Protein backbone atom coordinates (compact mmCIF):
# COMPACT_ATOMS: atom_id res chain seq x y z
CA MET A 1 -89.70 88.09 -46.49
CA THR A 2 -92.99 89.52 -48.85
CA ALA A 3 -95.37 86.57 -49.34
CA ASP A 4 -95.20 85.31 -52.93
CA ARG A 5 -98.53 86.64 -54.55
CA ARG A 6 -98.19 83.87 -57.58
CA ALA A 7 -101.83 82.88 -58.82
CA ALA A 8 -99.78 80.11 -60.48
CA ALA A 9 -96.82 77.61 -59.81
CA ARG A 10 -93.69 78.67 -62.77
CA ARG A 11 -92.04 76.41 -64.09
CA LEU A 12 -89.21 76.23 -66.49
CA PRO A 13 -90.22 74.71 -69.53
CA ASP A 14 -87.68 72.12 -71.31
CA ALA A 15 -85.35 73.22 -74.25
CA ASP A 16 -87.53 70.57 -76.35
CA GLU A 17 -91.16 71.86 -75.90
CA THR A 18 -92.78 74.04 -78.35
CA LEU A 19 -93.26 76.51 -75.02
CA ALA A 20 -89.10 76.68 -74.74
CA ARG A 21 -89.90 79.71 -77.30
CA VAL A 22 -93.03 82.14 -77.93
CA ARG A 23 -93.80 83.88 -81.39
CA LEU A 24 -95.09 87.45 -80.55
CA ARG A 25 -97.91 88.98 -84.15
CA THR A 26 -95.70 90.81 -84.94
CA GLY A 27 -93.25 88.18 -86.37
CA ARG A 28 -90.30 88.33 -83.37
CA GLU A 29 -89.33 85.10 -81.08
CA LEU A 30 -88.72 85.38 -77.76
CA ALA A 31 -87.23 82.50 -75.67
CA VAL A 32 -89.68 81.51 -72.14
CA VAL A 33 -87.19 81.68 -69.16
CA ASP A 34 -90.46 80.72 -67.01
CA ILE A 35 -93.64 80.51 -67.89
CA SER A 36 -97.22 79.84 -65.89
CA ASP A 37 -100.93 79.57 -67.39
CA THR A 38 -101.29 82.97 -65.62
CA GLY A 39 -98.32 84.39 -67.72
CA ALA A 40 -94.60 84.21 -68.95
CA LEU A 41 -90.63 85.74 -68.73
CA LEU A 42 -89.11 85.93 -72.11
CA GLU A 43 -86.30 87.05 -72.59
CA GLY A 44 -85.11 88.52 -76.48
CA VAL A 45 -84.05 91.37 -78.83
CA ALA A 46 -87.59 92.82 -78.84
CA ARG A 47 -87.77 96.04 -76.91
CA LEU A 48 -91.20 96.05 -75.19
CA LEU A 49 -93.02 98.89 -72.97
CA PRO A 50 -94.35 98.29 -69.41
CA GLY A 51 -97.93 98.72 -69.68
CA THR A 52 -98.89 97.65 -73.34
CA HIS A 53 -100.39 94.80 -74.63
CA VAL A 54 -98.76 92.56 -77.30
CA GLU A 55 -100.28 88.94 -78.62
CA VAL A 56 -98.49 85.72 -78.56
CA HIS A 57 -98.59 82.89 -80.38
CA VAL A 58 -97.98 80.19 -77.90
CA VAL A 59 -98.43 76.29 -78.98
CA THR A 60 -99.70 73.55 -76.62
CA ARG A 61 -101.33 70.03 -77.92
CA GLU A 62 -104.76 72.19 -78.22
CA GLY A 63 -102.56 73.72 -81.43
CA ARG A 64 -101.20 77.39 -81.66
CA THR A 65 -103.09 79.92 -79.80
CA LEU A 66 -102.79 83.83 -80.32
CA VAL A 67 -103.00 85.11 -76.16
CA ARG A 68 -103.80 88.72 -75.91
CA SER A 69 -101.27 89.76 -72.86
CA ARG A 70 -99.91 93.30 -70.33
CA VAL A 71 -96.60 93.43 -70.53
CA THR A 72 -96.03 94.24 -66.90
CA ARG A 73 -92.11 94.44 -66.61
CA VAL A 74 -89.59 95.05 -68.64
CA TRP A 75 -85.54 95.73 -68.21
CA VAL A 76 -82.70 95.36 -70.12
CA PHE A 77 -80.42 91.85 -68.99
CA ALA A 78 -77.61 92.12 -71.65
CA VAL A 79 -75.76 94.56 -73.38
CA ALA A 80 -73.53 93.81 -76.16
CA ALA A 81 -71.69 96.44 -78.66
CA ASP A 82 -74.26 95.99 -81.03
CA THR A 83 -77.21 94.36 -79.21
CA LEU A 84 -79.34 94.44 -76.42
CA ARG A 85 -81.29 92.14 -74.80
CA TYR A 86 -84.25 92.30 -72.76
CA ARG A 87 -85.99 90.32 -70.42
CA ALA A 88 -89.95 91.36 -69.92
CA ALA A 89 -92.39 89.80 -67.43
CA LEU A 90 -96.26 89.08 -69.84
CA PHE A 91 -99.88 88.53 -67.81
CA PHE A 92 -101.89 86.93 -70.25
CA ASP A 93 -105.26 88.20 -70.19
CA SER A 94 -107.14 84.44 -70.16
CA ARG A 95 -105.25 81.17 -69.02
CA VAL A 96 -103.47 79.01 -70.71
CA ASN A 97 -102.86 75.56 -69.81
CA THR A 98 -98.93 75.10 -69.60
CA ALA A 99 -98.40 71.72 -67.98
CA PRO A 100 -95.54 69.59 -68.91
CA SER A 101 -98.75 66.91 -70.05
CA ARG A 102 -100.58 69.32 -72.50
CA VAL A 103 -97.48 71.07 -74.46
CA VAL A 104 -95.70 69.54 -77.43
CA VAL A 105 -92.63 68.07 -77.57
CA THR A 106 -90.76 68.71 -80.43
CA HIS A 107 -87.81 67.05 -82.06
CA SER A 108 -84.64 68.81 -82.09
CA THR A 109 -81.94 68.76 -85.52
CA PRO A 110 -78.83 68.69 -85.07
CA SER A 111 -76.68 72.44 -85.14
CA GLY A 112 -76.07 73.46 -88.42
CA ALA A 113 -78.93 71.28 -89.58
CA GLY A 114 -82.35 72.37 -90.99
CA THR A 115 -83.68 75.65 -91.51
CA GLY A 116 -82.77 77.45 -88.63
CA ARG A 117 -86.00 78.24 -87.40
CA SER A 118 -87.13 76.34 -83.88
CA TYR A 119 -90.19 77.43 -83.53
CA PRO A 120 -92.47 75.34 -84.85
CA SER A 121 -94.54 76.22 -88.23
CA GLN A 122 -97.83 76.68 -89.44
CA ASP A 123 -99.46 78.14 -92.89
CA ASN A 124 -101.33 81.60 -92.28
CA THR A 125 -103.05 81.53 -95.47
CA GLY A 126 -105.01 84.76 -95.54
CA VAL A 127 -103.63 86.24 -92.38
CA THR A 128 -101.08 89.22 -93.00
CA THR A 129 -99.69 90.99 -89.53
CA VAL A 130 -97.85 94.59 -89.70
CA GLU A 131 -94.71 95.03 -87.99
CA GLY A 132 -95.90 96.96 -84.64
CA ALA A 133 -99.23 96.60 -84.97
CA CYS A 134 -100.94 94.83 -81.23
């Protein structure tokens, strides 16, 4: 058995809290499998490359924070006829307080209702993001 090298305890975010999903700076949304103050395991269709740096929007009670992160591992998690789903482990460059008492709970709408956006919206006036730029 190997020693646990984790710097912070991981937790599974509840489906109705903002930490259940994060958004890359480029706009792609990813589901959070588990998260800690120092990193996260994410799942989605975005193909990330190990060793690269990405920026993710993390929403807590302090608001939306853009956290620079290093992609440590990536693997194909699911294969379908028309898509691949990846899992990626990120290491945050700075600690983020992800304790349940510090996150925001969203009020989910019944399926089919609303705009279909599960990530909290916020005005980004004056900000231009180029797809693929990190």
